[in-house]
Amino acid sequence: MSPRSASVNEELRRRSRERLLQAAVELVSERGYDATTLGDIADRAGSARGLVSYYFPGKRQLLQSAVHRLMHRTLEEALEREPRSEDGRERMARAIDAILGLTRDQPVLMRQHMAGLLQAEGFVQCPEQRRLSELLGETVAAYGSTQVTADYPMLRALLMGAVYAALVPGVPMQVPVLRTELFKRYRLEWELGVPPDAGASGGTPGTDLSRFFETGPEPEDDQSK
């Protein structure tokens, strides 16, 4: 049997990383952050414990990458939902609703994510975080911004503030109230996006998160045949 090709090895590594990301969001959502160990995540992913350390410096960095993946895929799904729209105001409304909806549907994950951002390392610079930044930047540009480098950080800050306000223990604000303020800030009509009374998820993932992670059977290497 010939050694695997470089492309097959790369695909195997990508799938291993995907399984770890998926296992992290599933376990933290089920058990909470403190009750989830890296060993638990490796076991759920069907990976060796050492492989976790190969991809991620620690549990907090792994979870942050996993939640950034969940956020950017949720946002992507909302922006591409039928009927697909190129209208910048509609896309901004969908983006706001996607992040607020994710906060409503996955409070444990989002609360731990926000706590992680306040640690010394701050944002983890990973492919998932970069893709989320790209999508939000594209949303700001579609909305009509001529200064995306300045307006994107403001949108990010406003969304982060809304997430925090919705999740702060003891005195959480209601998502519709936060939506009203964000829509007012961006001069968006209430009926854009997915209003809270519309009965739709707004692109949020619900309980099954598997579609946001590209895992599956290991690829065959034609050199091994």
C-alpha atoms as a PDB file:
ATOM      1  CA  MET A   1       0.000   0.000   0.000  1.00  0.00           C
ATOM      2  CA  SER A   2       1.394   3.359  -1.015  1.00  0.00           C
ATOM      3  CA  PRO A   3       1.529   6.261   1.463  1.00  0.00           C
ATOM      4  CA  ARG A   4      -1.423   8.604   1.413  1.00  0.00           C
ATOM      5  CA  SER A   5      -1.164  11.554  -0.928  1.00  0.00           C
ATOM      6  CA  ALA A   6      -0.621  15.037   0.490  1.00  0.00           C
ATOM      7  CA  SER A   7      -4.159  16.046  -0.502  1.00  0.00           C
ATOM      8  CA  VAL A   8      -5.715  13.116   1.359  1.00  0.00           C
ATOM      9  CA  ASN A   9      -3.641  13.836   4.466  1.00  0.00           C
ATOM     10  CA  GLU A  10      -4.761  17.452   4.343  1.00  0.00           C
ATOM     11  CA  GLU A  11      -8.397  16.409   4.042  1.00  0.00           C
ATOM     12  CA  LEU A  12      -8.041  14.028   6.982  1.00  0.00           C
ATOM     13  CA  ARG A  13      -6.551  16.794   9.110  1.00  0.00           C
ATOM     14  CA  ARG A  14      -9.358  19.158   8.122  1.00  0.00           C
ATOM     15  CA  ARG A  15     -12.017  16.617   9.046  1.00  0.00           C
ATOM     16  CA  SER A  16     -10.346  15.863  12.369  1.00  0.00           C
ATOM     17  CA  ARG A  17     -10.362  19.550  13.223  1.00  0.00           C
ATOM     18  CA  GLU A  18     -14.028  19.819  12.188  1.00  0.00           C
ATOM     19  CA  ARG A  19     -14.985  16.938  14.467  1.00  0.00           C
ATOM     20  CA  LEU A  20     -13.230  18.602  17.399  1.00  0.00           C
ATOM     21  CA  LEU A  21     -15.072  21.879  16.754  1.00  0.00           C
ATOM     22  CA  GLN A  22     -18.411  20.090  16.590  1.00  0.00           C
ATOM     23  CA  ALA A  23     -17.701  18.053  19.719  1.00  0.00           C
ATOM     24  CA  ALA A  24     -16.759  21.210  21.627  1.00  0.00           C
ATOM     25  CA  VAL A  25     -20.013  23.046  20.917  1.00  0.00           C
ATOM     26  CA  GLU A  26     -22.112  19.942  21.581  1.00  0.00           C
ATOM     27  CA  LEU A  27     -20.503  19.111  24.924  1.00  0.00           C
ATOM     28  CA  VAL A  28     -20.309  22.656  26.279  1.00  0.00           C
ATOM     29  CA  SER A  29     -23.943  23.189  25.269  1.00  0.00           C
ATOM     30  CA  GLU A  30     -24.929  19.974  27.074  1.00  0.00           C
ATOM     31  CA  ARG A  31     -22.716  20.135  30.186  1.00  0.00           C
ATOM     32  CA  GLY A  32     -21.327  23.649  30.464  1.00  0.00           C
ATOM     33  CA  TYR A  33     -17.754  24.816  30.071  1.00  0.00           C
ATOM     34  CA  ASP A  34     -16.299  23.781  33.438  1.00  0.00           C
ATOM     35  CA  ALA A  35     -17.761  20.260  33.266  1.00  0.00           C
ATOM     36  CA  THR A  36     -16.301  19.634  29.803  1.00  0.00           C
ATOM     37  CA  THR A  37     -12.685  18.493  29.527  1.00  0.00           C
ATOM     38  CA  LEU A  38     -10.416  18.292  26.521  1.00  0.00           C
ATOM     39  CA  GLY A  39     -10.458  14.528  27.009  1.00  0.00           C
ATOM     40  CA  ASP A  40     -14.267  14.556  26.764  1.00  0.00           C
ATOM     41  CA  ILE A  41     -14.060  16.552  23.547  1.00  0.00           C
ATOM     42  CA  ALA A  42     -11.465  14.203  22.069  1.00  0.00           C
ATOM     43  CA  ASP A  43     -13.589  11.171  22.981  1.00  0.00           C
ATOM     44  CA  ARG A  44     -16.741  12.666  21.442  1.00  0.00           C
ATOM     45  CA  ALA A  45     -14.787  13.513  18.282  1.00  0.00           C
ATOM     46  CA  GLY A  46     -13.206  10.070  18.104  1.00  0.00           C
ATOM     47  CA  SER A  47      -9.738  11.644  18.240  1.00  0.00           C
ATOM     48  CA  ALA A  48      -6.596  11.099  20.272  1.00  0.00           C
ATOM     49  CA  ARG A  49      -6.127  13.526  23.185  1.00  0.00           C
ATOM     50  CA  GLY A  50      -2.845  14.726  21.714  1.00  0.00           C
ATOM     51  CA  LEU A  51      -4.573  15.738  18.505  1.00  0.00           C
ATOM     52  CA  VAL A  52      -6.545  18.419  20.361  1.00  0.00           C
ATOM     53  CA  SER A  53      -3.323  20.081  21.476  1.00  0.00           C
ATOM     54  CA  TYR A  54      -1.970  19.847  17.939  1.00  0.00           C
ATOM     55  CA  TYR A  55      -4.784  22.066  16.637  1.00  0.00           C
ATOM     56  CA  PHE A  56      -5.592  24.248  19.650  1.00  0.00           C
ATOM     57  CA  PRO A  57      -3.495  25.698  22.521  1.00  0.00           C
ATOM     58  CA  GLY A  58      -6.225  24.942  25.059  1.00  0.00           C
ATOM     59  CA  LYS A  59      -9.922  24.475  25.788  1.00  0.00           C
ATOM     60  CA  ARG A  60     -10.808  28.149  25.707  1.00  0.00           C
ATOM     61  CA  GLN A  61      -9.189  28.648  22.298  1.00  0.00           C
ATOM     62  CA  LEU A  62     -10.940  25.538  20.974  1.00  0.00           C
ATOM     63  CA  LEU A  63     -14.324  26.737  22.200  1.00  0.00           C
ATOM     64  CA  GLN A  64     -13.798  30.219  20.820  1.00  0.00           C
ATOM     65  CA  SER A  65     -12.975  28.814  17.380  1.00  0.00           C
ATOM     66  CA  ALA A  66     -15.980  26.499  17.596  1.00  0.00           C
ATOM     67  CA  VAL A  67     -18.396  29.292  18.507  1.00  0.00           C
ATOM     68  CA  HIS A  68     -16.927  31.561  15.842  1.00  0.00           C
ATOM     69  CA  ARG A  69     -17.652  28.726  13.397  1.00  0.00           C
ATOM     70  CA  LEU A  70     -21.210  28.494  14.660  1.00  0.00           C
ATOM     71  CA  MET A  71     -21.615  32.263  14.353  1.00  0.00           C
ATOM     72  CA  HIS A  72     -20.234  32.605  10.855  1.00  0.00           C
ATOM     73  CA  ARG A  73     -22.183  29.633   9.507  1.00  0.00           C
ATOM     74  CA  THR A  74     -25.386  30.893  11.165  1.00  0.00           C
ATOM     75  CA  LEU A  75     -24.798  34.321   9.646  1.00  0.00           C
ATOM     76  CA  GLU A  76     -23.968  32.802   6.275  1.00  0.00           C
ATOM     77  CA  GLU A  77     -27.149  30.740   6.319  1.00  0.00           C
ATOM     78  CA  ALA A  78     -29.261  33.770   7.215  1.00  0.00           C
ATOM     79  CA  LEU A  79     -27.754  35.917   4.460  1.00  0.00           C
ATOM     80  CA  GLU A  80     -28.237  33.219   1.828  1.00  0.00           C
ATOM     81  CA  ARG A  81     -31.741  32.185   2.910  1.00  0.00           C
ATOM     82  CA  GLU A  82     -34.415  32.228   0.228  1.00  0.00           C
ATOM     83  CA  PRO A  83     -35.665  34.542  -1.035  1.00  0.00           C
ATOM     84  CA  ARG A  84     -32.066  35.651  -1.367  1.00  0.00           C
ATOM     85  CA  SER A  85     -31.681  39.413  -1.290  1.00  0.00           C
ATOM     86  CA  GLU A  86     -28.913  41.781  -2.337  1.00  0.00           C
ATOM     87  CA  ASP A  87     -30.640  44.691  -0.603  1.00  0.00           C
ATOM     88  CA  GLY A  88     -28.193  46.054   1.944  1.00  0.00           C
ATOM     89  CA  ARG A  89     -30.834  46.958   4.512  1.00  0.00           C
ATOM     90  CA  GLU A  90     -32.380  43.500   4.378  1.00  0.00           C
ATOM     91  CA  ARG A  91     -28.954  41.907   4.745  1.00  0.00           C
ATOM     92  CA  MET A  92     -28.122  44.072   7.741  1.00  0.00           C
ATOM     93  CA  ALA A  93     -31.447  43.095   9.352  1.00  0.00           C
ATOM     94  CA  ARG A  94     -30.750  39.406   8.717  1.00  0.00           C
ATOM     95  CA  ALA A  95     -27.285  39.718  10.222  1.00  0.00           C
ATOM     96  CA  ILE A  96     -28.632  41.327  13.397  1.00  0.00           C
ATOM     97  CA  ASP A  97     -31.405  38.740  13.695  1.00  0.00           C
ATOM     98  CA  ALA A  98     -28.971  35.864  13.135  1.00  0.00           C
ATOM     99  CA  ILE A  99     -26.663  36.883  15.974  1.00  0.00           C
ATOM    100  CA  LEU A 100     -29.507  37.755  18.352  1.00  0.00           C
ATOM    101  CA  GLY A 101     -31.272  34.510  17.466  1.00  0.00           C
ATOM    102  CA  LEU A 102     -28.132  32.490  18.143  1.00  0.00           C
ATOM    103  CA  THR A 103     -27.816  34.207  21.519  1.00  0.00           C
ATOM    104  CA  ARG A 104     -31.423  33.315  22.323  1.00  0.00           C
ATOM    105  CA  ASP A 105     -31.082  29.680  21.185  1.00  0.00           C
ATOM    106  CA  GLN A 106     -27.589  28.891  22.500  1.00  0.00           C
ATOM    107  CA  PRO A 107     -27.184  30.934  25.706  1.00  0.00           C
ATOM    108  CA  VAL A 108     -24.687  28.565  27.354  1.00  0.00           C
ATOM    109  CA  LEU A 109     -22.334  28.632  24.382  1.00  0.00           C
ATOM    110  CA  MET A 110     -22.625  32.358  23.837  1.00  0.00           C
ATOM    111  CA  ARG A 111     -22.150  33.181  27.527  1.00  0.00           C
ATOM    112  CA  GLN A 112     -18.953  31.149  27.668  1.00  0.00           C
ATOM    113  CA  HIS A 113     -17.805  32.706  24.416  1.00  0.00           C
ATOM    114  CA  MET A 114     -18.242  36.211  25.781  1.00  0.00           C
ATOM    115  CA  ALA A 115     -16.413  35.230  28.971  1.00  0.00           C
ATOM    116  CA  GLY A 116     -13.539  33.919  26.879  1.00  0.00           C
ATOM    117  CA  LEU A 117     -13.222  37.163  24.960  1.00  0.00           C
ATOM    118  CA  LEU A 118     -12.548  38.975  28.237  1.00  0.00           C
ATOM    119  CA  GLN A 119      -9.525  36.795  28.960  1.00  0.00           C
ATOM    120  CA  ALA A 120      -6.030  38.123  28.300  1.00  0.00           C
ATOM    121  CA  GLU A 121      -5.734  36.458  24.901  1.00  0.00           C
ATOM    122  CA  GLY A 122      -8.914  38.132  23.605  1.00  0.00           C
ATOM    123  CA  PHE A 123      -9.924  37.156  20.090  1.00  0.00           C
ATOM    124  CA  VAL A 124      -8.377  33.957  18.816  1.00  0.00           C
ATOM    125  CA  GLN A 125      -7.090  34.633  15.321  1.00  0.00           C
ATOM    126  CA  CYS A 126      -8.387  31.536  13.533  1.00  0.00           C
ATOM    127  CA  PRO A 127     -10.052  30.782  10.183  1.00  0.00           C
ATOM    128  CA  GLU A 128     -13.494  30.841  11.823  1.00  0.00           C
ATOM    129  CA  GLN A 129     -12.985  34.288  13.320  1.00  0.00           C
ATOM    130  CA  ARG A 130     -11.619  35.651  10.043  1.00  0.00           C
ATOM    131  CA  ARG A 131     -14.612  34.330   8.097  1.00  0.00           C
ATOM    132  CA  LEU A 132     -17.025  35.918  10.592  1.00  0.00           C
ATOM    133  CA  SER A 133     -15.178  39.232  10.196  1.00  0.00           C
ATOM    134  CA  GLU A 134     -15.376  38.970   6.418  1.00  0.00           C
ATOM    135  CA  LEU A 135     -19.127  38.341   6.471  1.00  0.00           C
ATOM    136  CA  LEU A 136     -19.815  41.246   8.810  1.00  0.00           C
ATOM    137  CA  GLY A 137     -17.565  43.486   6.721  1.00  0.00           C
ATOM    138  CA  GLU A 138     -19.429  42.479   3.567  1.00  0.00           C
ATOM    139  CA  THR A 139     -22.730  43.192   5.328  1.00  0.00           C
ATOM    140  CA  VAL A 140     -21.580  46.692   6.268  1.00  0.00           C
ATOM    141  CA  ALA A 141     -20.419  47.301   2.690  1.00  0.00           C
ATOM    142  CA  ALA A 142     -23.740  46.074   1.261  1.00  0.00           C
ATOM    143  CA  TYR A 143     -25.552  48.388   3.682  1.00  0.00           C
ATOM    144  CA  GLY A 144     -23.804  51.274   1.950  1.00  0.00           C
ATOM    145  CA  SER A 145     -20.816  52.094   4.129  1.00  0.00           C
ATOM    146  CA  THR A 146     -17.995  53.979   2.452  1.00  0.00           C
ATOM    147  CA  GLN A 147     -15.766  53.441   5.500  1.00  0.00           C
ATOM    148  CA  VAL A 148     -15.982  49.717   6.152  1.00  0.00           C
ATOM    149  CA  THR A 149     -12.788  49.617   8.233  1.00  0.00           C
ATOM    150  CA  ALA A 150     -14.413  52.023  10.707  1.00  0.00           C
ATOM    151  CA  ASP A 151     -18.041  50.896  10.459  1.00  0.00           C
ATOM    152  CA  TYR A 152     -17.373  47.154  10.756  1.00  0.00           C
ATOM    153  CA  PRO A 153     -15.816  47.431  14.255  1.00  0.00           C
ATOM    154  CA  MET A 154     -18.805  49.529  15.352  1.00  0.00           C
ATOM    155  CA  LEU A 155     -21.267  46.879  14.136  1.00  0.00           C
ATOM    156  CA  ARG A 156     -19.204  44.201  15.873  1.00  0.00           C
ATOM    157  CA  ALA A 157     -19.174  46.218  19.108  1.00  0.00           C
ATOM    158  CA  LEU A 158     -22.924  46.825  18.988  1.00  0.00           C
ATOM    159  CA  LEU A 159     -23.642  43.136  18.405  1.00  0.00           C
ATOM    160  CA  MET A 160     -21.282  42.096  21.188  1.00  0.00           C
ATOM    161  CA  GLY A 161     -22.945  44.576  23.516  1.00  0.00           C
ATOM    162  CA  ALA A 162     -26.371  43.201  22.648  1.00  0.00           C
ATOM    163  CA  VAL A 163     -25.207  39.624  23.233  1.00  0.00           C
ATOM    164  CA  TYR A 164     -23.793  40.600  26.616  1.00  0.00           C
ATOM    165  CA  ALA A 165     -26.964  42.457  27.581  1.00  0.00           C
ATOM    166  CA  ALA A 166     -29.121  39.453  26.658  1.00  0.00           C
ATOM    167  CA  LEU A 167     -27.017  37.051  28.724  1.00  0.00           C
ATOM    168  CA  VAL A 168     -25.917  38.972  31.833  1.00  0.00           C
ATOM    169  CA  PRO A 169     -27.104  36.887  34.809  1.00  0.00           C
ATOM    170  CA  GLY A 170     -29.878  38.367  36.886  1.00  0.00           C
ATOM    171  CA  VAL A 171     -30.757  41.331  34.669  1.00  0.00           C
ATOM    172  CA  PRO A 172     -30.920  40.097  31.056  1.00  0.00           C
ATOM    173  CA  MET A 173     -32.556  42.302  28.460  1.00  0.00           C
ATOM    174  CA  GLN A 174     -35.128  40.788  26.119  1.00  0.00           C
ATOM    175  CA  VAL A 175     -34.048  40.100  22.544  1.00  0.00           C
ATOM    176  CA  PRO A 176     -36.947  42.082  20.976  1.00  0.00           C
ATOM    177  CA  VAL A 177     -35.924  45.154  23.001  1.00  0.00           C
ATOM    178  CA  LEU A 178     -32.314  44.834  21.860  1.00  0.00           C
ATOM    179  CA  ARG A 179     -33.473  44.291  18.286  1.00  0.00           C
ATOM    180  CA  THR A 180     -35.519  47.490  18.448  1.00  0.00           C
ATOM    181  CA  GLU A 181     -32.476  49.506  19.501  1.00  0.00           C
ATOM    182  CA  LEU A 182     -30.189  47.995  16.856  1.00  0.00           C
ATOM    183  CA  PHE A 183     -32.796  48.474  14.128  1.00  0.00           C
ATOM    184  CA  LYS A 184     -33.214  52.095  15.239  1.00  0.00           C
ATOM    185  CA  ARG A 185     -29.439  52.578  15.091  1.00  0.00           C
ATOM    186  CA  TYR A 186     -29.333  51.340  11.494  1.00  0.00           C
ATOM    187  CA  ARG A 187     -32.706  52.851  10.492  1.00  0.00           C
ATOM    188  CA  LEU A 188     -34.213  49.483   9.589  1.00  0.00           C
ATOM    189  CA  GLU A 189     -37.922  48.766   9.303  1.00  0.00           C
ATOM    190  CA  TRP A 190     -39.218  46.230  11.839  1.00  0.00           C
ATOM    191  CA  GLU A 191     -40.525  43.884   9.134  1.00  0.00           C
ATOM    192  CA  LEU A 192     -37.058  43.370   7.613  1.00  0.00           C
ATOM    193  CA  GLY A 193     -35.077  40.266   8.501  1.00  0.00           C
ATOM    194  CA  VAL A 194     -37.007  37.902  10.768  1.00  0.00           C
ATOM    195  CA  PRO A 195     -39.145  39.802  13.304  1.00  0.00           C
ATOM    196  CA  PRO A 196     -39.575  37.957  16.637  1.00  0.00           C
ATOM    197  CA  ASP A 197     -43.260  37.310  15.934  1.00  0.00           C
ATOM    198  CA  ALA A 198     -42.650  35.885  12.452  1.00  0.00           C
ATOM    199  CA  GLY A 199     -42.312  32.319  13.707  1.00  0.00           C
ATOM    200  CA  ALA A 200     -39.045  31.650  11.865  1.00  0.00           C
ATOM    201  CA  SER A 201     -35.615  30.941  13.302  1.00  0.00           C
ATOM    202  CA  GLY A 202     -33.755  33.633  11.411  1.00  0.00           C
ATOM    203  CA  GLY A 203     -31.042  31.191  10.494  1.00  0.00           C
ATOM    204  CA  THR A 204     -30.328  30.038  14.024  1.00  0.00           C
ATOM    205  CA  PRO A 205     -29.304  26.408  14.405  1.00  0.00           C
ATOM    206  CA  GLY A 206     -31.684  24.982  17.000  1.00  0.00           C
ATOM    207  CA  THR A 207     -30.429  21.837  18.744  1.00  0.00           C
ATOM    208  CA  ASP A 208     -28.834  19.978  15.814  1.00  0.00           C
ATOM    209  CA  LEU A 209     -25.535  21.697  15.092  1.00  0.00           C
ATOM    210  CA  SER A 210     -24.061  19.049  12.796  1.00  0.00           C
ATOM    211  CA  ARG A 211     -24.801  20.839   9.535  1.00  0.00           C
ATOM    212  CA  PHE A 212     -22.409  23.622  10.489  1.00  0.00           C
ATOM    213  CA  PHE A 213     -19.445  21.240  10.613  1.00  0.00           C
ATOM    214  CA  GLU A 214     -18.126  19.501   7.502  1.00  0.00           C
ATOM    215  CA  THR A 215     -17.412  15.983   8.716  1.00  0.00           C
ATOM    216  CA  GLY A 216     -18.050  12.651   7.102  1.00  0.00           C
ATOM    217  CA  PRO A 217     -16.387   9.445   5.875  1.00  0.00           C
ATOM    218  CA  GLU A 218     -12.657   9.547   5.437  1.00  0.00           C
ATOM    219  CA  PRO A 219     -11.585  10.127   1.829  1.00  0.00           C
ATOM    220  CA  GLU A 220     -10.148   7.309  -0.233  1.00  0.00           C
ATOM    221  CA  ASP A 221      -6.663   7.683  -1.634  1.00  0.00           C
ATOM    222  CA  ASP A 222      -6.485   6.350  -5.169  1.00  0.00           C
ATOM    223  CA  GLN A 223      -2.734   5.753  -4.674  1.00  0.00           C
ATOM    224  CA  SER A 224      -3.538   3.116  -2.055  1.00  0.00           C
ATOM    225  CA  LYS A 225      -5.564   0.945  -4.444  1.00  0.00           C
END
